Amino acid sequence: MLVALGGTGVRLLTAAGRVRGRWDVPAGRLMVAHHGLAALLPVPGERTVGVHRLDLVSRTVRRWTCLPQVDVAATFVGALLAVVDRAGLAVLDTTTGGQGRSRPRTVWRELERGVVVHRLERGERWMSAPSCGPG
């Protein structure tokens, strides 16, 4: 079981509650990939969200990016993360950015400016973003 402990970090626990992995990256929540091999660790700030990417196979964590305040789906598929930003709905490549790159690559964008997305939900094979148009 993977557990986010806020400022204490992230722990990988056995069924008996023993610690099998420990990362001292603050995370208030987890966004786990559907394949179960990676997790994103968001750290909300006042106006931005810092995000680290935890590779559960190699058990390494690296700083991925810093995003402006965005709504983020609770899970992601492989390397793709759906977000809602000021310009609408976007899908970001979680394998780009970090390590000298300032921003992740946007691989898909939808909706016109002024469209309000009320919530963003997704499953392994679907995504829902109920919205209303401008004006």
Protein backbone atom coordinates (compact mmCIF):
# COMPACT_ATOMS: atom_id res chain seq x y z
CA MET A 1 0.00 0.00 0.00
CA LEU A 2 1.33 3.43 -0.96
CA VAL A 3 0.53 6.16 1.58
CA ALA A 4 0.97 9.95 1.45
CA LEU A 5 1.74 11.39 4.89
CA GLY A 6 1.80 15.13 4.13
CA GLY A 7 5.02 16.78 5.27
CA THR A 8 6.37 13.45 6.54
CA GLY A 9 6.62 12.00 3.01
CA VAL A 10 5.45 8.85 1.28
CA ARG A 11 5.65 5.25 2.49
CA LEU A 12 5.19 1.88 0.80
CA LEU A 13 3.70 -0.47 3.39
CA THR A 14 3.20 -4.23 3.49
CA ALA A 15 -0.21 -5.70 4.37
CA ALA A 16 1.10 -6.07 7.94
CA GLY A 17 2.00 -2.35 8.06
CA ARG A 18 5.79 -2.68 7.79
CA VAL A 19 7.64 -0.04 5.78
CA ARG A 20 9.04 -1.43 2.50
CA GLY A 21 9.89 1.93 0.93
CA ARG A 22 10.34 5.47 2.21
CA TRP A 23 10.59 8.78 0.38
CA ASP A 24 10.91 12.05 2.27
CA VAL A 25 9.12 14.12 -0.38
CA PRO A 26 6.10 15.94 1.11
CA ALA A 27 2.84 14.81 -0.48
CA GLY A 28 -0.69 15.51 0.65
CA ARG A 29 -2.11 13.04 -1.87
CA LEU A 30 -1.07 10.54 -4.53
CA MET A 31 -1.98 10.28 -8.18
CA VAL A 32 -1.24 6.68 -9.14
CA ALA A 33 -0.80 5.48 -12.71
CA HIS A 34 -3.33 2.87 -13.79
CA HIS A 35 -0.51 0.41 -14.50
CA GLY A 36 0.63 0.80 -10.86
CA LEU A 37 4.28 1.41 -11.74
CA ALA A 38 4.46 5.12 -10.97
CA ALA A 39 2.84 7.81 -8.85
CA LEU A 40 2.83 11.58 -8.97
CA LEU A 41 3.31 13.41 -5.67
CA PRO A 42 1.72 16.89 -5.75
CA VAL A 43 2.84 19.49 -3.24
CA PRO A 44 0.39 22.42 -3.32
CA GLY A 45 1.80 25.86 -2.74
CA GLU A 46 0.17 29.26 -2.54
CA ARG A 47 -0.01 29.78 -6.33
CA THR A 48 1.68 26.68 -7.79
CA VAL A 49 1.74 22.91 -7.42
CA GLY A 50 5.15 21.23 -7.25
CA VAL A 51 5.04 17.67 -8.60
CA HIS A 52 7.49 14.80 -8.11
CA ARG A 53 7.33 11.51 -10.06
CA LEU A 54 7.89 8.30 -8.09
CA ASP A 55 8.99 5.30 -10.16
CA LEU A 56 7.85 2.29 -8.12
CA VAL A 57 9.93 -0.19 -10.13
CA SER A 58 13.29 1.50 -9.52
CA ARG A 59 11.99 3.10 -6.28
CA THR A 60 13.39 6.45 -7.30
CA VAL A 61 11.74 9.84 -7.05
CA ARG A 62 12.59 12.91 -9.11
CA ARG A 63 11.23 16.41 -9.30
CA TRP A 64 8.99 16.52 -12.35
CA THR A 65 7.66 20.06 -12.64
CA CYS A 66 5.99 23.03 -11.03
CA LEU A 67 2.53 23.80 -12.40
CA PRO A 68 0.38 26.88 -11.91
CA GLN A 69 -2.68 26.10 -9.79
CA VAL A 70 -4.58 23.58 -11.92
CA ASP A 71 -7.26 20.97 -11.34
CA VAL A 72 -5.69 17.55 -11.76
CA ALA A 73 -7.25 14.15 -12.35
CA ALA A 74 -6.86 11.74 -9.43
CA THR A 75 -5.11 9.13 -11.59
CA PHE A 76 -3.19 9.07 -14.85
CA VAL A 77 -2.60 6.66 -17.70
CA GLY A 78 1.01 5.63 -18.22
CA ALA A 79 2.79 8.91 -18.83
CA LEU A 80 -0.25 11.11 -19.50
CA LEU A 81 -1.90 13.38 -16.91
CA ALA A 82 -5.15 15.28 -17.55
CA VAL A 83 -5.36 18.79 -16.08
CA VAL A 84 -7.67 21.78 -16.32
CA ASP A 85 -5.82 25.09 -16.56
CA ARG A 86 -6.81 28.64 -17.56
CA ALA A 87 -6.85 27.66 -21.23
CA GLY A 88 -9.10 24.60 -20.76
CA LEU A 89 -8.51 20.88 -20.67
CA ALA A 90 -5.00 19.62 -21.41
CA VAL A 91 -3.06 16.37 -21.30
CA LEU A 92 0.57 16.58 -20.13
CA ASP A 93 3.41 14.13 -20.72
CA THR A 94 4.74 13.26 -17.24
CA THR A 95 8.01 11.90 -18.63
CA THR A 96 9.10 15.36 -19.88
CA GLY A 97 9.98 18.38 -17.77
CA GLY A 98 12.17 18.29 -14.69
CA GLN A 99 15.93 17.75 -14.86
CA GLY A 100 16.67 21.11 -16.48
CA ARG A 101 13.38 21.45 -18.35
CA SER A 102 11.02 23.99 -16.89
CA ARG A 103 7.68 22.74 -18.25
CA PRO A 104 6.16 19.42 -19.23
CA ARG A 105 5.05 18.96 -22.82
CA THR A 106 1.34 19.41 -23.62
CA VAL A 107 0.35 16.56 -25.94
CA TRP A 108 -3.34 17.40 -26.33
CA ARG A 109 -5.60 20.38 -25.64
CA GLU A 110 -9.38 20.75 -25.83
CA LEU A 111 -12.04 23.40 -25.17
CA GLU A 112 -12.11 27.08 -25.99
CA ARG A 113 -11.10 29.88 -23.65
CA GLY A 114 -13.91 30.83 -21.32
CA VAL A 115 -15.27 27.29 -20.96
CA VAL A 116 -15.63 26.39 -17.30
CA VAL A 117 -14.91 22.78 -16.32
CA HIS A 118 -16.81 21.92 -13.15
CA ARG A 119 -14.85 18.80 -12.29
CA LEU A 120 -12.43 16.39 -13.90
CA GLU A 121 -12.84 12.67 -13.43
CA ARG A 122 -11.20 9.76 -15.18
CA GLY A 123 -10.95 6.03 -15.16
CA GLU A 124 -8.64 3.66 -16.94
CA ARG A 125 -10.48 4.01 -20.26
CA TRP A 126 -12.64 7.13 -19.87
CA MET A 127 -12.57 10.77 -18.86
CA SER A 128 -15.40 13.13 -17.93
CA ALA A 129 -15.15 16.93 -17.73
CA PRO A 130 -18.64 18.43 -17.35
CA SER A 131 -18.44 22.02 -18.52
CA CYS A 132 -20.41 25.05 -19.68
CA GLY A 133 -19.53 27.53 -22.40
CA PRO A 134 -18.69 31.20 -22.12
CA GLY A 135 -21.34 33.73 -21.25
